[in-house]
Amino acid sequence: FSPLLPQVSATWNAARTQSASSQERGARDPR
C-alpha cells in the first residue's frame, strides 16, 4: 500500500573546488 502515500526524500551536497589557469607573457621572440 505504501506507493499511494507521499514519498519524501532529502538530499544535501557540498563541494569545494579550486581551479588553475596558465597564460603566456613576454616579447614576441619565442625565446
All heavy atoms as atom14 arrays in JSON, in Angstrom:
{
  "sequence": "FSPLLPQVSATWNAARTQSASSQERGARDPR",
  "atom14_mask": [
    [1, 1, 1, 1, 1, 1, 1, 1, 1, 1, 1, 0, 0, 0],
    [1, 1, 1, 1, 1, 1, 0, 0, 0, 0, 0, 0, 0, 0],
    [1, 1, 1, 1, 1, 1, 1, 0, 0, 0, 0, 0, 0, 0],
    [1, 1, 1, 1, 1, 1, 1, 1, 0, 0, 0, 0, 0, 0],
    [1, 1, 1, 1, 1, 1, 1, 1, 0, 0, 0, 0, 0, 0],
    [1, 1, 1, 1, 1, 1, 1, 0, 0, 0, 0, 0, 0, 0],
    [1, 1, 1, 1, 1, 1, 1, 1, 1, 0, 0, 0, 0, 0],
    [1, 1, 1, 1, 1, 1, 1, 0, 0, 0, 0, 0, 0, 0],
    [1, 1, 1, 1, 1, 1, 0, 0, 0, 0, 0, 0, 0, 0],
    [1, 1, 1, 1, 1, 0, 0, 0, 0, 0, 0, 0, 0, 0],
    [1, 1, 1, 1, 1, 1, 1, 0, 0, 0, 0, 0, 0, 0],
    [1, 1, 1, 1, 1, 1, 1, 1, 1, 1, 1, 1, 1, 1],
    [1, 1, 1, 1, 1, 1, 1, 1, 0, 0, 0, 0, 0, 0],
    [1, 1, 1, 1, 1, 0, 0, 0, 0, 0, 0, 0, 0, 0],
    [1, 1, 1, 1, 1, 0, 0, 0, 0, 0, 0, 0, 0, 0],
    [1, 1, 1, 1, 1, 1, 1, 1, 1, 1, 1, 0, 0, 0],
    [1, 1, 1, 1, 1, 1, 1, 0, 0, 0, 0, 0, 0, 0],
    [1, 1, 1, 1, 1, 1, 1, 1, 1, 0, 0, 0, 0, 0],
    [1, 1, 1, 1, 1, 1, 0, 0, 0, 0, 0, 0, 0, 0],
    [1, 1, 1, 1, 1, 0, 0, 0, 0, 0, 0, 0, 0, 0],
    [1, 1, 1, 1, 1, 1, 0, 0, 0, 0, 0, 0, 0, 0],
    [1, 1, 1, 1, 1, 1, 0, 0, 0, 0, 0, 0, 0, 0],
    [1, 1, 1, 1, 1, 1, 1, 1, 1, 0, 0, 0, 0, 0],
    [1, 1, 1, 1, 1, 1, 1, 1, 1, 0, 0, 0, 0, 0],
    [1, 1, 1, 1, 1, 1, 1, 1, 1, 1, 1, 0, 0, 0],
    [1, 1, 1, 1, 0, 0, 0, 0, 0, 0, 0, 0, 0, 0],
    [1, 1, 1, 1, 1, 0, 0, 0, 0, 0, 0, 0, 0, 0],
    [1, 1, 1, 1, 1, 1, 1, 1, 1, 1, 1, 0, 0, 0],
    [1, 1, 1, 1, 1, 1, 1, 1, 0, 0, 0, 0, 0, 0],
    [1, 1, 1, 1, 1, 1, 1, 0, 0, 0, 0, 0, 0, 0],
    [1, 1, 1, 1, 1, 1, 1, 1, 1, 1, 1, 0, 0, 0]
  ],
  "atom14_positions": [
    [[0.81, -1.22, 0.0], [0.0, 0.0, 0.0], [0.85, 1.28, 0.0], [0.37, 2.36, -0.37], [-0.92, 0.0, 1.23], [-1.9, 1.13, 1.25], [-3.03, 1.1, 0.45], [-1.69, 2.23, 2.08], [-3.94, 2.15, 0.47], [-2.6, 3.28, 2.1], [-3.73, 3.24, 1.29], [0.0, 0.0, 0.0], [0.0, 0.0, 0.0], [0.0, 0.0, 0.0]],
    [[2.1, 1.17, 0.4], [2.94, 2.36, 0.6], [3.09, 3.25, -0.63], [3.24, 4.47, -0.47], [4.32, 1.94, 1.09], [4.98, 1.12, 0.13], [0.0, 0.0, 0.0], [0.0, 0.0, 0.0], [0.0, 0.0, 0.0], [0.0, 0.0, 0.0], [0.0, 0.0, 0.0], [0.0, 0.0, 0.0], [0.0, 0.0, 0.0], [0.0, 0.0, 0.0]],
    [[3.06, 2.76, -1.9], [3.19, 3.69, -3.04], [2.1, 4.75, -3.1], [2.31, 5.79, -3.73], [3.14, 2.75, -4.25], [3.65, 1.46, -3.75], [3.13, 1.36, -2.35], [0.0, 0.0, 0.0], [0.0, 0.0, 0.0], [0.0, 0.0, 0.0], [0.0, 0.0, 0.0], [0.0, 0.0, 0.0], [0.0, 0.0, 0.0], [0.0, 0.0, 0.0]],
    [[0.94, 4.52, -2.48], [-0.12, 5.52, -2.51], [0.1, 6.64, -1.5], [-0.6, 7.66, -1.55], [-1.48, 4.88, -2.26], [-2.14, 4.17, -3.44], [-3.5, 3.64, -3.04], [-2.26, 5.08, -4.64], [0.0, 0.0, 0.0], [0.0, 0.0, 0.0], [0.0, 0.0, 0.0], [0.0, 0.0, 0.0], [0.0, 0.0, 0.0], [0.0, 0.0, 0.0]],
    [[1.04, 6.49, -0.6], [1.32, 7.5, 0.4], [2.42, 8.44, -0.1], [3.2, 8.08, -0.99], [1.73, 6.84, 1.71], [0.69, 5.88, 2.31], [1.23, 5.25, 3.58], [-0.63, 6.59, 2.58], [0.0, 0.0, 0.0], [0.0, 0.0, 0.0], [0.0, 0.0, 0.0], [0.0, 0.0, 0.0], [0.0, 0.0, 0.0], [0.0, 0.0, 0.0]],
    [[2.51, 9.66, 0.45], [3.54, 10.6, -0.01], [4.95, 10.03, 0.17], [5.24, 9.37, 1.17], [3.32, 11.83, 0.88], [1.91, 11.73, 1.34], [1.62, 10.27, 1.46], [0.0, 0.0, 0.0], [0.0, 0.0, 0.0], [0.0, 0.0, 0.0], [0.0, 0.0, 0.0], [0.0, 0.0, 0.0], [0.0, 0.0, 0.0], [0.0, 0.0, 0.0]],
    [[5.8, 10.28, -0.8], [7.19, 9.86, -0.75], [8.06, 11.11, -0.56], [8.09, 11.99, -1.42], [7.59, 9.14, -2.04], [6.61, 8.05, -2.49], [6.56, 6.88, -1.54], [7.61, 6.3, -1.2], [5.37, 6.51, -1.1], [0.0, 0.0, 0.0], [0.0, 0.0, 0.0], [0.0, 0.0, 0.0], [0.0, 0.0, 0.0], [0.0, 0.0, 0.0]],
    [[8.74, 11.19, 0.55], [9.55, 12.37, 0.9], [11.0, 11.94, 0.99], [11.33, 10.94, 1.63], [9.09, 12.99, 2.23], [9.92, 14.23, 2.56], [7.61, 13.36, 2.18], [0.0, 0.0, 0.0], [0.0, 0.0, 0.0], [0.0, 0.0, 0.0], [0.0, 0.0, 0.0], [0.0, 0.0, 0.0], [0.0, 0.0, 0.0], [0.0, 0.0, 0.0]],
    [[11.87, 12.73, 0.34], [13.3, 12.45, 0.4], [14.05, 13.77, 0.51], [13.54, 14.83, 0.14], [13.76, 11.67, -0.83], [13.56, 12.44, -2.0], [0.0, 0.0, 0.0], [0.0, 0.0, 0.0], [0.0, 0.0, 0.0], [0.0, 0.0, 0.0], [0.0, 0.0, 0.0], [0.0, 0.0, 0.0], [0.0, 0.0, 0.0], [0.0, 0.0, 0.0]],
    [[15.24, 13.71, 1.04], [16.06, 14.91, 1.21], [17.48, 14.6, 0.73], [18.0, 13.5, 0.96], [16.06, 15.36, 2.66], [0.0, 0.0, 0.0], [0.0, 0.0, 0.0], [0.0, 0.0, 0.0], [0.0, 0.0, 0.0], [0.0, 0.0, 0.0], [0.0, 0.0, 0.0], [0.0, 0.0, 0.0], [0.0, 0.0, 0.0], [0.0, 0.0, 0.0]],
    [[18.09, 15.61, 0.08], [19.49, 15.47, -0.38], [20.26, 16.72, 0.03], [19.72, 17.84, 0.07], [19.55, 15.3, -1.91], [18.95, 16.43, -2.55], [18.84, 14.03, -2.34], [0.0, 0.0, 0.0], [0.0, 0.0, 0.0], [0.0, 0.0, 0.0], [0.0, 0.0, 0.0], [0.0, 0.0, 0.0], [0.0, 0.0, 0.0], [0.0, 0.0, 0.0]],
    [[21.52, 16.53, 0.31], [22.41, 17.64, 0.64], [23.76, 17.35, 0.02], [24.32, 16.27, 0.19], [22.54, 17.78, 2.15], [23.46, 18.9, 2.58], [23.16, 20.21, 2.68], [24.84, 18.77, 2.95], [24.24, 20.95, 3.09], [25.3, 20.07, 3.27], [25.72, 17.71, 3.04], [26.61, 20.33, 3.67], [27.03, 17.95, 3.44], [27.46, 19.25, 3.76]],
    [[24.25, 18.29, -0.75], [25.54, 18.15, -1.42], [26.4, 19.35, -1.1], [25.92, 20.5, -1.07], [25.36, 18.06, -2.94], [24.63, 16.79, -3.35], [25.0, 15.71, -2.91], [23.59, 16.93, -4.15], [0.0, 0.0, 0.0], [0.0, 0.0, 0.0], [0.0, 0.0, 0.0], [0.0, 0.0, 0.0], [0.0, 0.0, 0.0], [0.0, 0.0, 0.0]],
    [[27.66, 19.11, -0.88], [28.63, 20.18, -0.65], [29.91, 19.85, -1.41], [30.36, 18.7, -1.4], [28.94, 20.35, 0.84], [0.0, 0.0, 0.0], [0.0, 0.0, 0.0], [0.0, 0.0, 0.0], [0.0, 0.0, 0.0], [0.0, 0.0, 0.0], [0.0, 0.0, 0.0], [0.0, 0.0, 0.0], [0.0, 0.0, 0.0], [0.0, 0.0, 0.0]],
    [[30.46, 20.88, -2.08], [31.69, 20.69, -2.84], [32.6, 21.9, -2.67], [32.13, 23.05, -2.6], [31.37, 20.48, -4.32], [0.0, 0.0, 0.0], [0.0, 0.0, 0.0], [0.0, 0.0, 0.0], [0.0, 0.0, 0.0], [0.0, 0.0, 0.0], [0.0, 0.0, 0.0], [0.0, 0.0, 0.0], [0.0, 0.0, 0.0], [0.0, 0.0, 0.0]],
    [[33.88, 21.69, -2.6], [34.89, 22.75, -2.52], [35.87, 22.54, -3.66], [36.54, 21.52, -3.71], [35.6, 22.71, -1.18], [36.47, 23.94, -0.93], [37.14, 23.83, 0.42], [37.82, 25.05, 0.75], [38.68, 25.2, 1.76], [38.95, 24.15, 2.53], [39.28, 26.35, 1.99], [0.0, 0.0, 0.0], [0.0, 0.0, 0.0], [0.0, 0.0, 0.0]],
    [[35.93, 23.51, -4.58], [36.75, 23.35, -5.78], [37.78, 24.46, -5.89], [37.6, 25.57, -5.37], [35.84, 23.38, -7.03], [35.16, 24.64, -7.1], [34.82, 22.26, -6.99], [0.0, 0.0, 0.0], [0.0, 0.0, 0.0], [0.0, 0.0, 0.0], [0.0, 0.0, 0.0], [0.0, 0.0, 0.0], [0.0, 0.0, 0.0], [0.0, 0.0, 0.0]],
    [[38.84, 24.13, -6.56], [39.92, 25.09, -6.83], [40.37, 24.89, -8.26], [40.53, 23.73, -8.7], [41.09, 24.9, -5.87], [42.16, 25.95, -5.99], [43.3, 25.71, -5.01], [43.83, 24.61, -4.97], [43.68, 26.74, -4.24], [0.0, 0.0, 0.0], [0.0, 0.0, 0.0], [0.0, 0.0, 0.0], [0.0, 0.0, 0.0], [0.0, 0.0, 0.0]],
    [[40.6, 25.97, -9.03], [41.0, 25.87, -10.43], [42.27, 26.67, -10.68], [42.58, 27.62, -9.94], [39.87, 26.37, -11.34], [39.58, 27.73, -11.07], [0.0, 0.0, 0.0], [0.0, 0.0, 0.0], [0.0, 0.0, 0.0], [0.0, 0.0, 0.0], [0.0, 0.0, 0.0], [0.0, 0.0, 0.0], [0.0, 0.0, 0.0], [0.0, 0.0, 0.0]],
    [[42.99, 26.3, -11.69], [44.24, 27.0, -12.08], [44.19, 27.3, -13.56], [43.65, 26.51, -14.35], [45.44, 26.14, -11.74], [0.0, 0.0, 0.0], [0.0, 0.0, 0.0], [0.0, 0.0, 0.0], [0.0, 0.0, 0.0], [0.0, 0.0, 0.0], [0.0, 0.0, 0.0], [0.0, 0.0, 0.0], [0.0, 0.0, 0.0], [0.0, 0.0, 0.0]],
    [[44.79, 28.47, -13.99], [44.85, 28.85, -15.4], [46.27, 29.31, -15.76], [46.99, 29.86, -14.91], [43.84, 29.96, -15.69], [44.16, 31.12, -14.93], [0.0, 0.0, 0.0], [0.0, 0.0, 0.0], [0.0, 0.0, 0.0], [0.0, 0.0, 0.0], [0.0, 0.0, 0.0], [0.0, 0.0, 0.0], [0.0, 0.0, 0.0], [0.0, 0.0, 0.0]],
    [[46.67, 29.05, -16.98], [48.02, 29.41, -17.45], [47.92, 30.44, -18.57], [47.02, 30.36, -19.42], [48.75, 28.15, -17.94], [48.89, 27.23, -16.88], [0.0, 0.0, 0.0], [0.0, 0.0, 0.0], [0.0, 0.0, 0.0], [0.0, 0.0, 0.0], [0.0, 0.0, 0.0], [0.0, 0.0, 0.0], [0.0, 0.0, 0.0], [0.0, 0.0, 0.0]],
    [[48.88, 31.41, -18.59], [48.89, 32.46, -19.62], [50.33, 32.81, -19.97], [51.19, 32.93, -19.08], [48.17, 33.71, -19.09], [48.04, 34.82, -20.12], [47.27, 36.01, -19.59], [46.9, 36.03, -18.41], [47.06, 36.99, -20.45], [0.0, 0.0, 0.0], [0.0, 0.0, 0.0], [0.0, 0.0, 0.0], [0.0, 0.0, 0.0], [0.0, 0.0, 0.0]],
    [[50.62, 32.92, -21.28], [51.97, 33.26, -21.74], [52.14, 34.76, -21.79], [51.27, 35.48, -22.32], [52.24, 32.65, -23.11], [52.31, 31.15, -23.09], [52.68, 30.6, -24.46], [52.75, 31.39, -25.4], [52.9, 29.38, -24.53], [0.0, 0.0, 0.0], [0.0, 0.0, 0.0], [0.0, 0.0, 0.0], [0.0, 0.0, 0.0], [0.0, 0.0, 0.0]],
    [[53.25, 35.26, -21.32], [53.55, 36.68, -21.32], [55.01, 36.89, -21.77], [55.84, 36.02, -21.58], [53.36, 37.29, -19.93], [51.92, 37.27, -19.44], [51.81, 37.87, -18.07], [50.42, 37.84, -17.59], [50.04, 38.28, -16.4], [50.97, 38.79, -15.57], [48.77, 38.23, -16.05], [0.0, 0.0, 0.0], [0.0, 0.0, 0.0], [0.0, 0.0, 0.0]],
    [[55.32, 38.06, -22.33], [56.7, 38.38, -22.72], [56.8, 38.88, -24.14], [55.8, 39.18, -24.81], [0.0, 0.0, 0.0], [0.0, 0.0, 0.0], [0.0, 0.0, 0.0], [0.0, 0.0, 0.0], [0.0, 0.0, 0.0], [0.0, 0.0, 0.0], [0.0, 0.0, 0.0], [0.0, 0.0, 0.0], [0.0, 0.0, 0.0], [0.0, 0.0, 0.0]],
    [[58.03, 38.98, -24.68], [58.29, 39.51, -26.03], [57.78, 38.57, -27.08], [57.46, 37.42, -26.81], [59.79, 39.75, -26.22], [0.0, 0.0, 0.0], [0.0, 0.0, 0.0], [0.0, 0.0, 0.0], [0.0, 0.0, 0.0], [0.0, 0.0, 0.0], [0.0, 0.0, 0.0], [0.0, 0.0, 0.0], [0.0, 0.0, 0.0], [0.0, 0.0, 0.0]],
    [[57.77, 39.19, -28.29], [57.31, 38.36, -29.39], [58.28, 37.25, -29.72], [57.93, 36.26, -30.32], [57.06, 39.23, -30.61], [55.9, 40.2, -30.43], [55.68, 40.98, -31.7], [54.53, 41.88, -31.52], [54.09, 42.7, -32.47], [54.72, 42.72, -33.67], [53.06, 43.5, -32.25], [0.0, 0.0, 0.0], [0.0, 0.0, 0.0], [0.0, 0.0, 0.0]],
    [[59.55, 37.49, -29.36], [60.55, 36.44, -29.59], [60.18, 35.22, -28.75], [60.03, 35.33, -27.53], [61.94, 36.96, -29.2], [63.02, 35.94, -29.53], [62.67, 34.83, -29.98], [64.2, 36.25, -29.28], [0.0, 0.0, 0.0], [0.0, 0.0, 0.0], [0.0, 0.0, 0.0], [0.0, 0.0, 0.0], [0.0, 0.0, 0.0], [0.0, 0.0, 0.0]],
    [[60.03, 34.13, -29.47], [59.61, 32.95, -28.7], [60.55, 32.62, -27.56], [60.14, 32.08, -26.53], [59.58, 31.83, -29.75], [59.41, 32.55, -31.04], [60.14, 33.86, -30.91], [0.0, 0.0, 0.0], [0.0, 0.0, 0.0], [0.0, 0.0, 0.0], [0.0, 0.0, 0.0], [0.0, 0.0, 0.0], [0.0, 0.0, 0.0], [0.0, 0.0, 0.0]],
    [[61.8, 32.97, -27.73], [62.73, 32.62, -26.67], [62.59, 33.5, -25.44], [63.08, 33.19, -24.38], [64.16, 32.71, -27.2], [64.48, 31.65, -28.25], [65.86, 31.85, -28.83], [65.9, 33.12, -29.59], [67.0, 33.56, -30.22], [68.11, 32.85, -30.18], [66.95, 34.7, -30.89], [0.0, 0.0, 0.0], [0.0, 0.0, 0.0], [0.0, 0.0, 0.0]]
  ]
}
